[in-house]
Amino acid sequence: MPTQYTLYQEIVQMPNKDIGINGFYYDCVHSPSAGVFPLHWHECLEIISVESGWIEVEIDRKRYRIQSGQIAVINPRQLHSCDRFDPGATLRCLIIDMDVFRSRFVDSSEERFILPLLEGRVLLAEQIDGSNGLQSLIHSCVDSFDRRDIAYQLHLKALIFELLYQLFAFHSAMREAEQRNLPTSVSRERVNAVLEYVDTHYAERIQLNDLVEIVHINKYYICKIFQQYTGKTVFNYVNEVRIRKAEELLLTTNRTVTDIAYATGFLDINYFSRIFKQIMGITPTELRKKYLKV
């Protein structure tokens, strides 16, 4: 998908920063076997309409199978990934920077809806049936963004406001964030610190004692809150990060598989190959042959 990852926080690249909206069509046939997108979070509201086929999206540890005609909604700052999908699936996606919809003076709609959504005090439902007009509305948003007719910015904003209205008003989409069985904000920040450390130091030897120095809690509690929040063990996540980096190097450089294994933190080439196939579904050599037609 047309975005850039730091493997824990997605750096969303808006084609037009003044609008703060990105809309695009995506064909899953172009996705690697490991999934459409890795575990990450961002500050934007993301809406995915499945046009054909199906995808499985994990949002804050809860897994949803989104079928054709259904919609996935990812609230700001929710950890999410998509690792299972129909290769024939096609999607229409909207990524919305909610700050664009804030005004100079806070009005009642911003106070009651936009700010609570940004602050995580209110969430939108993660899975919605699109047959009642929502999917058509998402189509119109993406089409307007693609065509960019005269005054399309006004048209697009009007459509997004209508979409937000539908989500908040008619789909039982609002619920208190405190009702979720998730860690506290302090734990969330500690988990984010671990994610950031792994992203920066994935090529080095990573031990639990290193993480203790970062978040200043004992290693057993680190493991507990990390798995509670991400659904993964710390070292399973470390391996995922390393394999994603290895995948990038395999497809963008001519370095040997052994060199790439060492460069991404693996000390044993056989272990690297085994973990790579476990996560990606194919070996490093098979990946190169498949995507680079070597």
C-alpha atoms as a PDB file:
ATOM      1  CA  MET A   1       0.000   0.000   0.000  1.00  0.00           C
ATOM      2  CA  PRO A   2       1.339   3.512  -0.766  1.00  0.00           C
ATOM      3  CA  THR A   3       2.713   4.359   2.644  1.00  0.00           C
ATOM      4  CA  GLN A   4       6.026   4.287   4.490  1.00  0.00           C
ATOM      5  CA  TYR A   5       6.617   2.344   7.706  1.00  0.00           C
ATOM      6  CA  THR A   6       9.042   2.607  10.591  1.00  0.00           C
ATOM      7  CA  LEU A   7       7.683  -0.869  11.504  1.00  0.00           C
ATOM      8  CA  TYR A   8       5.775   0.411  14.521  1.00  0.00           C
ATOM      9  CA  GLN A   9       4.449   3.810  13.498  1.00  0.00           C
ATOM     10  CA  GLU A  10       3.359   4.429   9.947  1.00  0.00           C
ATOM     11  CA  ILE A  11       4.551   7.688   8.425  1.00  0.00           C
ATOM     12  CA  VAL A  12       1.502   8.534   6.355  1.00  0.00           C
ATOM     13  CA  GLN A  13       2.404  10.359   3.162  1.00  0.00           C
ATOM     14  CA  MET A  14      -0.440  12.553   1.962  1.00  0.00           C
ATOM     15  CA  PRO A  15      -0.342  13.426  -1.765  1.00  0.00           C
ATOM     16  CA  ASN A  16      -1.730  16.848  -0.861  1.00  0.00           C
ATOM     17  CA  LYS A  17      -1.018  17.943   2.709  1.00  0.00           C
ATOM     18  CA  ASP A  18      -3.508  20.805   2.442  1.00  0.00           C
ATOM     19  CA  ILE A  19      -6.353  18.321   2.030  1.00  0.00           C
ATOM     20  CA  GLY A  20      -5.170  15.736   4.548  1.00  0.00           C
ATOM     21  CA  ILE A  21      -6.953  12.895   2.743  1.00  0.00           C
ATOM     22  CA  ASN A  22      -5.594  10.050   0.657  1.00  0.00           C
ATOM     23  CA  GLY A  23      -7.843   7.776  -1.367  1.00  0.00           C
ATOM     24  CA  PHE A  24      -6.701   4.896  -3.535  1.00  0.00           C
ATOM     25  CA  TYR A  25      -7.578   1.545  -5.093  1.00  0.00           C
ATOM     26  CA  TYR A  26      -5.460  -1.473  -4.128  1.00  0.00           C
ATOM     27  CA  ASP A  27      -5.209  -4.913  -5.720  1.00  0.00           C
ATOM     28  CA  CYS A  28      -3.967  -7.555  -3.252  1.00  0.00           C
ATOM     29  CA  VAL A  29      -2.362  -9.551  -6.056  1.00  0.00           C
ATOM     30  CA  HIS A  30       0.608  -7.197  -5.598  1.00  0.00           C
ATOM     31  CA  SER A  31       1.019  -8.043  -1.894  1.00  0.00           C
ATOM     32  CA  PRO A  32       3.761 -10.403  -0.630  1.00  0.00           C
ATOM     33  CA  SER A  33       2.620 -13.649   0.948  1.00  0.00           C
ATOM     34  CA  ALA A  34       3.329 -12.265   4.447  1.00  0.00           C
ATOM     35  CA  GLY A  35       0.386  -9.873   4.188  1.00  0.00           C
ATOM     36  CA  VAL A  36      -0.987  -6.605   2.866  1.00  0.00           C
ATOM     37  CA  PHE A  37       0.588  -4.528   5.656  1.00  0.00           C
ATOM     38  CA  PRO A  38       2.616  -5.312   8.811  1.00  0.00           C
ATOM     39  CA  LEU A  39       1.802  -4.461  12.414  1.00  0.00           C
ATOM     40  CA  HIS A  40       1.802  -0.679  12.833  1.00  0.00           C
ATOM     41  CA  TRP A  41      -0.207   2.310  14.042  1.00  0.00           C
ATOM     42  CA  HIS A  42      -0.714   5.893  12.945  1.00  0.00           C
ATOM     43  CA  GLU A  43      -2.513   9.073  13.935  1.00  0.00           C
ATOM     44  CA  CYS A  44      -4.994   8.955  11.034  1.00  0.00           C
ATOM     45  CA  LEU A  45      -8.419   7.384  10.635  1.00  0.00           C
ATOM     46  CA  GLU A  46      -8.223   4.566   8.073  1.00  0.00           C
ATOM     47  CA  ILE A  47     -11.198   3.074   6.237  1.00  0.00           C
ATOM     48  CA  ILE A  48     -10.869   0.008   3.994  1.00  0.00           C
ATOM     49  CA  SER A  49     -13.720  -1.086   1.734  1.00  0.00           C
ATOM     50  CA  VAL A  50     -13.381  -4.641   0.398  1.00  0.00           C
ATOM     51  CA  GLU A  51     -14.637  -4.658  -3.200  1.00  0.00           C
ATOM     52  CA  SER A  52     -14.001  -8.338  -3.913  1.00  0.00           C
ATOM     53  CA  GLY A  53     -12.566 -11.314  -2.064  1.00  0.00           C
ATOM     54  CA  TRP A  54     -11.659 -10.999   1.613  1.00  0.00           C
ATOM     55  CA  ILE A  55      -8.934  -9.860   4.003  1.00  0.00           C
ATOM     56  CA  GLU A  56      -8.263 -10.551   7.681  1.00  0.00           C
ATOM     57  CA  VAL A  57      -7.369  -7.484   9.707  1.00  0.00           C
ATOM     58  CA  GLU A  58      -6.149  -7.585  13.292  1.00  0.00           C
ATOM     59  CA  ILE A  59      -6.987  -4.411  15.238  1.00  0.00           C
ATOM     60  CA  ASP A  60      -5.844  -4.053  18.842  1.00  0.00           C
ATOM     61  CA  ARG A  61      -5.495  -7.861  19.096  1.00  0.00           C
ATOM     62  CA  LYS A  62      -9.004  -8.563  17.737  1.00  0.00           C
ATOM     63  CA  ARG A  63      -9.175 -10.296  14.358  1.00  0.00           C
ATOM     64  CA  TYR A  64     -11.826  -9.462  11.750  1.00  0.00           C
ATOM     65  CA  ARG A  65     -12.513 -11.250   8.483  1.00  0.00           C
ATOM     66  CA  ILE A  66     -13.695  -8.503   6.140  1.00  0.00           C
ATOM     67  CA  GLN A  67     -15.655  -9.912   3.214  1.00  0.00           C
ATOM     68  CA  SER A  68     -16.634  -8.311  -0.080  1.00  0.00           C
ATOM     69  CA  GLY A  69     -19.188  -5.590   0.659  1.00  0.00           C
ATOM     70  CA  GLN A  70     -17.861  -4.968   4.169  1.00  0.00           C
ATOM     71  CA  ILE A  71     -15.726  -2.190   5.628  1.00  0.00           C
ATOM     72  CA  ALA A  72     -12.865  -2.159   8.137  1.00  0.00           C
ATOM     73  CA  VAL A  73     -12.365   0.963  10.236  1.00  0.00           C
ATOM     74  CA  ILE A  74      -9.074   1.588  12.037  1.00  0.00           C
ATOM     75  CA  ASN A  75      -9.255   4.326  14.639  1.00  0.00           C
ATOM     76  CA  PRO A  76      -6.308   6.675  15.262  1.00  0.00           C
ATOM     77  CA  ARG A  77      -3.428   5.033  17.187  1.00  0.00           C
ATOM     78  CA  GLN A  78      -4.840   1.492  16.986  1.00  0.00           C
ATOM     79  CA  LEU A  79      -2.237  -1.200  16.326  1.00  0.00           C
ATOM     80  CA  HIS A  80      -3.288  -3.129  13.235  1.00  0.00           C
ATOM     81  CA  SER A  81      -2.028  -5.535  10.608  1.00  0.00           C
ATOM     82  CA  CYS A  82      -3.284  -7.622   7.694  1.00  0.00           C
ATOM     83  CA  ASP A  83      -1.462 -10.936   7.289  1.00  0.00           C
ATOM     84  CA  ARG A  84      -4.144 -13.088   5.667  1.00  0.00           C
ATOM     85  CA  PHE A  85      -5.951 -12.275   2.451  1.00  0.00           C
ATOM     86  CA  ASP A  86      -7.465 -13.562  -0.758  1.00  0.00           C
ATOM     87  CA  PRO A  87      -4.908 -12.831  -3.521  1.00  0.00           C
ATOM     88  CA  GLY A  88      -7.853 -11.810  -5.692  1.00  0.00           C
ATOM     89  CA  ALA A  89      -9.107  -9.250  -3.171  1.00  0.00           C
ATOM     90  CA  THR A  90      -9.458  -5.628  -4.256  1.00  0.00           C
ATOM     91  CA  LEU A  91      -9.803  -2.685  -1.888  1.00  0.00           C
ATOM     92  CA  ARG A  92     -10.714   0.975  -1.851  1.00  0.00           C
ATOM     93  CA  CYS A  93      -8.944   2.787   0.969  1.00  0.00           C
ATOM     94  CA  LEU A  94      -9.251   6.160   2.664  1.00  0.00           C
ATOM     95  CA  ILE A  95      -6.679   7.601   5.056  1.00  0.00           C
ATOM     96  CA  ILE A  96      -7.927  10.717   6.816  1.00  0.00           C
ATOM     97  CA  ASP A  97      -5.923  13.181   8.884  1.00  0.00           C
ATOM     98  CA  MET A  98      -8.582  14.243  11.387  1.00  0.00           C
ATOM     99  CA  ASP A  99      -6.643  17.388  12.301  1.00  0.00           C
ATOM    100  CA  VAL A 100      -7.715  18.838   8.947  1.00  0.00           C
ATOM    101  CA  PHE A 101     -11.304  18.804  10.201  1.00  0.00           C
ATOM    102  CA  ARG A 102     -10.493  20.887  13.248  1.00  0.00           C
ATOM    103  CA  SER A 103     -11.374  24.576  13.160  1.00  0.00           C
ATOM    104  CA  ARG A 104      -9.698  27.587  14.711  1.00  0.00           C
ATOM    105  CA  PHE A 105     -12.471  27.791  17.283  1.00  0.00           C
ATOM    106  CA  VAL A 106     -13.697  24.512  18.770  1.00  0.00           C
ATOM    107  CA  ASP A 107     -17.386  24.050  17.968  1.00  0.00           C
ATOM    108  CA  SER A 108     -19.789  21.474  19.410  1.00  0.00           C
ATOM    109  CA  SER A 109     -19.268  18.920  16.617  1.00  0.00           C
ATOM    110  CA  GLU A 110     -15.508  19.027  17.069  1.00  0.00           C
ATOM    111  CA  GLU A 111     -15.838  18.854  20.831  1.00  0.00           C
ATOM    112  CA  ARG A 112     -18.279  15.922  20.750  1.00  0.00           C
ATOM    113  CA  PHE A 113     -16.850  13.857  17.895  1.00  0.00           C
ATOM    114  CA  ILE A 114     -13.496  14.870  16.373  1.00  0.00           C
ATOM    115  CA  LEU A 115     -11.525  15.505  19.570  1.00  0.00           C
ATOM    116  CA  PRO A 116     -12.769  12.372  21.401  1.00  0.00           C
ATOM    117  CA  LEU A 117     -11.868  10.278  18.346  1.00  0.00           C
ATOM    118  CA  LEU A 118      -8.361  11.774  18.180  1.00  0.00           C
ATOM    119  CA  GLU A 119      -7.842  11.317  21.917  1.00  0.00           C
ATOM    120  CA  GLY A 120      -9.075   7.726  21.966  1.00  0.00           C
ATOM    121  CA  ARG A 121     -12.007   8.483  24.251  1.00  0.00           C
ATOM    122  CA  VAL A 122     -14.472   7.367  21.581  1.00  0.00           C
ATOM    123  CA  LEU A 123     -13.973   4.613  18.994  1.00  0.00           C
ATOM    124  CA  LEU A 124     -15.710   3.758  15.753  1.00  0.00           C
ATOM    125  CA  ALA A 125     -16.810   0.187  15.101  1.00  0.00           C
ATOM    126  CA  GLU A 126     -14.039  -1.784  13.396  1.00  0.00           C
ATOM    127  CA  GLN A 127     -16.260  -3.877  11.080  1.00  0.00           C
ATOM    128  CA  ILE A 128     -19.315  -2.529   9.269  1.00  0.00           C
ATOM    129  CA  ASP A 129     -21.648  -3.805   6.556  1.00  0.00           C
ATOM    130  CA  GLY A 130     -21.301  -1.498   3.560  1.00  0.00           C
ATOM    131  CA  SER A 131     -24.481  -2.515   1.749  1.00  0.00           C
ATOM    132  CA  ASN A 132     -26.479   0.356   3.233  1.00  0.00           C
ATOM    133  CA  GLY A 133     -24.734   3.026   1.187  1.00  0.00           C
ATOM    134  CA  LEU A 134     -21.442   3.352   3.066  1.00  0.00           C
ATOM    135  CA  GLN A 135     -19.469   1.458   0.439  1.00  0.00           C
ATOM    136  CA  SER A 136     -20.940   3.640  -2.301  1.00  0.00           C
ATOM    137  CA  LEU A 137     -19.954   6.718  -0.315  1.00  0.00           C
ATOM    138  CA  ILE A 138     -16.374   5.452  -0.002  1.00  0.00           C
ATOM    139  CA  HIS A 139     -16.332   4.841  -3.779  1.00  0.00           C
ATOM    140  CA  SER A 140     -17.377   8.455  -4.334  1.00  0.00           C
ATOM    141  CA  CYS A 141     -14.598   9.697  -2.023  1.00  0.00           C
ATOM    142  CA  VAL A 142     -11.880   7.705  -3.812  1.00  0.00           C
ATOM    143  CA  ASP A 143     -13.252   8.614  -7.257  1.00  0.00           C
ATOM    144  CA  SER A 144     -13.384  12.313  -6.391  1.00  0.00           C
ATOM    145  CA  PHE A 145      -9.798  12.149  -5.152  1.00  0.00           C
ATOM    146  CA  ASP A 146      -8.707  10.383  -8.346  1.00  0.00           C
ATOM    147  CA  ARG A 147     -10.488  12.712 -10.794  1.00  0.00           C
ATOM    148  CA  ARG A 148      -9.582  15.968  -9.050  1.00  0.00           C
ATOM    149  CA  ASP A 149     -12.158  18.007 -10.911  1.00  0.00           C
ATOM    150  CA  ILE A 150     -12.612  21.730 -10.319  1.00  0.00           C
ATOM    151  CA  ALA A 151     -13.329  22.352  -6.627  1.00  0.00           C
ATOM    152  CA  TYR A 152     -12.826  18.644  -5.853  1.00  0.00           C
ATOM    153  CA  GLN A 153     -11.400  19.638  -2.476  1.00  0.00           C
ATOM    154  CA  LEU A 154     -14.793  20.967  -1.398  1.00  0.00           C
ATOM    155  CA  HIS A 155     -16.584  17.938  -2.808  1.00  0.00           C
ATOM    156  CA  LEU A 156     -14.194  15.537  -1.086  1.00  0.00           C
ATOM    157  CA  LYS A 157     -14.521  17.262   2.278  1.00  0.00           C
ATOM    158  CA  ALA A 158     -18.307  17.229   1.966  1.00  0.00           C
ATOM    159  CA  LEU A 159     -18.233  13.491   1.237  1.00  0.00           C
ATOM    160  CA  ILE A 160     -15.915  12.824   4.192  1.00  0.00           C
ATOM    161  CA  PHE A 161     -18.200  14.788   6.522  1.00  0.00           C
ATOM    162  CA  GLU A 162     -21.136  12.710   5.270  1.00  0.00           C
ATOM    163  CA  LEU A 163     -19.128   9.535   5.822  1.00  0.00           C
ATOM    164  CA  LEU A 164     -18.228  10.574   9.375  1.00  0.00           C
ATOM    165  CA  TYR A 165     -21.865  11.445  10.033  1.00  0.00           C
ATOM    166  CA  GLN A 166     -22.953   7.977   8.871  1.00  0.00           C
ATOM    167  CA  LEU A 167     -20.317   6.282  11.008  1.00  0.00           C
ATOM    168  CA  PHE A 168     -21.102   8.219  14.172  1.00  0.00           C
ATOM    169  CA  ALA A 169     -24.878   8.296  13.843  1.00  0.00           C
ATOM    170  CA  PHE A 170     -26.196   5.129  12.234  1.00  0.00           C
ATOM    171  CA  HIS A 171     -23.924   2.178  12.856  1.00  0.00           C
ATOM    172  CA  SER A 172     -23.636   1.981  16.654  1.00  0.00           C
ATOM    173  CA  ALA A 173     -20.112   3.124  16.019  1.00  0.00           C
ATOM    174  CA  MET A 174     -19.464   4.985  19.262  1.00  0.00           C
ATOM    175  CA  ARG A 175     -18.339   3.341  22.460  1.00  0.00           C
ATOM    176  CA  GLU A 176     -16.169   4.398  25.360  1.00  0.00           C
ATOM    177  CA  ALA A 177     -12.520   3.493  24.852  1.00  0.00           C
ATOM    178  CA  GLU A 178     -12.222   2.700  28.566  1.00  0.00           C
ATOM    179  CA  GLN A 179     -14.458  -0.347  28.036  1.00  0.00           C
ATOM    180  CA  ARG A 180     -11.738  -2.085  26.043  1.00  0.00           C
ATOM    181  CA  ASN A 181      -9.597  -4.614  27.914  1.00  0.00           C
ATOM    182  CA  LEU A 182      -6.345  -2.893  26.952  1.00  0.00           C
ATOM    183  CA  PRO A 183      -3.389  -1.582  28.941  1.00  0.00           C
ATOM    184  CA  THR A 184      -3.387   1.879  30.441  1.00  0.00           C
ATOM    185  CA  SER A 185      -1.915   4.852  28.580  1.00  0.00           C
ATOM    186  CA  VAL A 186       1.296   4.433  30.610  1.00  0.00           C
ATOM    187  CA  SER A 187       1.592   0.823  29.449  1.00  0.00           C
ATOM    188  CA  ARG A 188       0.824   1.909  25.885  1.00  0.00           C
ATOM    189  CA  GLU A 189       3.739   4.346  25.963  1.00  0.00           C
ATOM    190  CA  ARG A 190       6.022   1.623  27.337  1.00  0.00           C
ATOM    191  CA  VAL A 191       4.988  -0.746  24.552  1.00  0.00           C
ATOM    192  CA  ASN A 192       5.592   1.993  21.972  1.00  0.00           C
ATOM    193  CA  ALA A 193       9.055   2.552  23.456  1.00  0.00           C
ATOM    194  CA  VAL A 194       9.838  -1.151  22.995  1.00  0.00           C
ATOM    195  CA  LEU A 195       8.564  -1.045  19.403  1.00  0.00           C
ATOM    196  CA  GLU A 196      10.748   1.971  18.683  1.00  0.00           C
ATOM    197  CA  TYR A 197      13.803   0.344  20.250  1.00  0.00           C
ATOM    198  CA  VAL A 198      13.345  -2.818  18.176  1.00  0.00           C
ATOM    199  CA  ASP A 199      12.981  -0.777  14.998  1.00  0.00           C
ATOM    200  CA  THR A 200      16.232   1.071  15.722  1.00  0.00           C
ATOM    201  CA  HIS A 201      18.319  -1.835  17.026  1.00  0.00           C
ATOM    202  CA  TYR A 202      16.961  -4.833  15.078  1.00  0.00           C
ATOM    203  CA  ALA A 203      20.424  -5.514  13.562  1.00  0.00           C
ATOM    204  CA  GLU A 204      21.964  -5.844  17.027  1.00  0.00           C
ATOM    205  CA  ARG A 205      21.610  -8.503  19.690  1.00  0.00           C
ATOM    206  CA  ILE A 206      18.454  -7.647  21.624  1.00  0.00           C
ATOM    207  CA  GLN A 207      17.937  -8.960  25.148  1.00  0.00           C
ATOM    208  CA  LEU A 208      15.179  -8.323  27.680  1.00  0.00           C
ATOM    209  CA  ASN A 209      17.670  -6.525  29.920  1.00  0.00           C
ATOM    210  CA  ASP A 210      18.132  -3.946  27.141  1.00  0.00           C
ATOM    211  CA  LEU A 211      14.401  -3.245  27.255  1.00  0.00           C
ATOM    212  CA  VAL A 212      14.447  -2.956  31.048  1.00  0.00           C
ATOM    213  CA  GLU A 213      16.838  -0.032  30.701  1.00  0.00           C
ATOM    214  CA  ILE A 214      14.468   1.648  28.246  1.00  0.00           C
ATOM    215  CA  VAL A 215      11.125   1.346  30.062  1.00  0.00           C
ATOM    216  CA  HIS A 216      12.364   0.934  33.670  1.00  0.00           C
ATOM    217  CA  ILE A 217      10.150  -2.003  34.644  1.00  0.00           C
ATOM    218  CA  ASN A 218      11.071  -5.649  35.205  1.00  0.00           C
ATOM    219  CA  LYS A 219      11.386  -7.930  32.188  1.00  0.00           C
ATOM    220  CA  TYR A 220       8.464 -10.163  33.190  1.00  0.00           C
ATOM    221  CA  TYR A 221       6.083  -7.208  33.205  1.00  0.00           C
ATOM    222  CA  ILE A 222       7.501  -6.033  29.868  1.00  0.00           C
ATOM    223  CA  CYS A 223       6.638  -9.406  28.325  1.00  0.00           C
ATOM    224  CA  LYS A 224       3.163  -9.336  29.864  1.00  0.00           C
ATOM    225  CA  ILE A 225       2.088  -5.870  28.674  1.00  0.00           C
ATOM    226  CA  PHE A 226       3.734  -6.318  25.272  1.00  0.00           C
ATOM    227  CA  GLN A 227       1.783  -9.488  24.570  1.00  0.00           C
ATOM    228  CA  GLN A 228      -1.373  -8.013  26.073  1.00  0.00           C
ATOM    229  CA  TYR A 229      -1.201  -5.027  23.743  1.00  0.00           C
ATOM    230  CA  THR A 230       0.208  -6.561  20.526  1.00  0.00           C
ATOM    231  CA  GLY A 231      -0.853 -10.202  20.803  1.00  0.00           C
ATOM    232  CA  LYS A 232       2.772 -11.188  20.131  1.00  0.00           C
ATOM    233  CA  THR A 233       5.760 -12.092  22.263  1.00  0.00           C
ATOM    234  CA  VAL A 234       8.639  -9.623  22.256  1.00  0.00           C
ATOM    235  CA  PHE A 235      10.933 -11.947  20.348  1.00  0.00           C
ATOM    236  CA  ASN A 236       8.301 -12.995  17.829  1.00  0.00           C
ATOM    237  CA  TYR A 237       7.950  -9.311  17.057  1.00  0.00           C
ATOM    238  CA  VAL A 238      11.743  -8.875  16.856  1.00  0.00           C
ATOM    239  CA  ASN A 239      11.838 -11.661  14.271  1.00  0.00           C
ATOM    240  CA  GLU A 240       8.997 -10.077  12.286  1.00  0.00           C
ATOM    241  CA  VAL A 241      10.840  -6.760  12.150  1.00  0.00           C
ATOM    242  CA  ARG A 242      14.054  -8.444  11.064  1.00  0.00           C
ATOM    243  CA  ILE A 243      12.296 -10.464   8.368  1.00  0.00           C
ATOM    244  CA  ARG A 244      10.561  -7.337   7.013  1.00  0.00           C
ATOM    245  CA  LYS A 245      13.938  -5.639   6.779  1.00  0.00           C
ATOM    246  CA  ALA A 246      15.409  -8.730   5.133  1.00  0.00           C
ATOM    247  CA  GLU A 247      12.548  -8.782   2.616  1.00  0.00           C
ATOM    248  CA  GLU A 248      13.288  -5.166   1.708  1.00  0.00           C
ATOM    249  CA  LEU A 249      16.996  -5.902   1.202  1.00  0.00           C
ATOM    250  CA  LEU A 250      16.285  -9.015  -0.852  1.00  0.00           C
ATOM    251  CA  LEU A 251      14.096  -7.043  -3.256  1.00  0.00           C
ATOM    252  CA  THR A 252      16.148  -3.846  -3.472  1.00  0.00           C
ATOM    253  CA  THR A 253      19.797  -4.990  -3.331  1.00  0.00           C
ATOM    254  CA  ASN A 254      22.073  -7.651  -4.815  1.00  0.00           C
ATOM    255  CA  ARG A 255      23.500  -8.658  -1.432  1.00  0.00           C
ATOM    256  CA  THR A 256      23.753 -12.386  -0.710  1.00  0.00           C
ATOM    257  CA  VAL A 257      21.201 -14.124   1.486  1.00  0.00           C
ATOM    258  CA  THR A 258      23.896 -14.784   4.094  1.00  0.00           C
ATOM    259  CA  ASP A 259      24.964 -11.138   4.133  1.00  0.00           C
ATOM    260  CA  ILE A 260      21.344 -10.025   4.531  1.00  0.00           C
ATOM    261  CA  ALA A 261      20.791 -12.487   7.369  1.00  0.00           C
ATOM    262  CA  TYR A 262      23.725 -11.046   9.318  1.00  0.00           C
ATOM    263  CA  ALA A 263      22.721  -7.469   8.466  1.00  0.00           C
ATOM    264  CA  THR A 264      19.280  -7.980   9.974  1.00  0.00           C
ATOM    265  CA  GLY A 265      20.416  -9.455  13.288  1.00  0.00           C
ATOM    266  CA  PHE A 266      20.488 -13.184  12.584  1.00  0.00           C
ATOM    267  CA  LEU A 267      23.636 -15.044  13.614  1.00  0.00           C
ATOM    268  CA  ASP A 268      22.674 -18.391  12.058  1.00  0.00           C
ATOM    269  CA  ILE A 269      21.786 -18.633   8.356  1.00  0.00           C
ATOM    270  CA  ASN A 270      19.743 -21.818   8.868  1.00  0.00           C
ATOM    271  CA  TYR A 271      17.692 -20.197  11.625  1.00  0.00           C
ATOM    272  CA  PHE A 272      17.199 -17.138   9.408  1.00  0.00           C
ATOM    273  CA  SER A 273      15.924 -19.281   6.527  1.00  0.00           C
ATOM    274  CA  ARG A 274      13.582 -21.206   8.825  1.00  0.00           C
ATOM    275  CA  ILE A 275      12.083 -18.047  10.401  1.00  0.00           C
ATOM    276  CA  PHE A 276      11.862 -16.346   7.004  1.00  0.00           C
ATOM    277  CA  LYS A 277       9.795 -19.213   5.551  1.00  0.00           C
ATOM    278  CA  GLN A 278       7.682 -19.401   8.702  1.00  0.00           C
ATOM    279  CA  ILE A 279       6.712 -15.721   8.398  1.00  0.00           C
ATOM    280  CA  MET A 280       6.765 -15.181   4.619  1.00  0.00           C
ATOM    281  CA  GLY A 281       5.602 -18.594   3.471  1.00  0.00           C
ATOM    282  CA  ILE A 282       8.553 -18.959   1.059  1.00  0.00           C
ATOM    283  CA  THR A 283      12.342 -19.054   1.337  1.00  0.00           C
ATOM    284  CA  PRO A 284      14.536 -15.970   0.714  1.00  0.00           C
ATOM    285  CA  THR A 285      15.708 -17.379  -2.615  1.00  0.00           C
ATOM    286  CA  GLU A 286      12.136 -18.172  -3.689  1.00  0.00           C
ATOM    287  CA  LEU A 287      11.097 -14.611  -2.816  1.00  0.00           C
ATOM    288  CA  ARG A 288      13.738 -13.159  -5.131  1.00  0.00           C
ATOM    289  CA  LYS A 289      12.771 -15.478  -7.962  1.00  0.00           C
ATOM    290  CA  LYS A 290       9.085 -14.713  -7.561  1.00  0.00           C
ATOM    291  CA  TYR A 291       9.259 -10.914  -7.408  1.00  0.00           C
ATOM    292  CA  LEU A 292      12.413 -10.139  -9.362  1.00  0.00           C
ATOM    293  CA  LYS A 293      11.962 -12.818 -12.016  1.00  0.00           C
ATOM    294  CA  VAL A 294      15.607 -13.853 -11.577  1.00  0.00           C
END
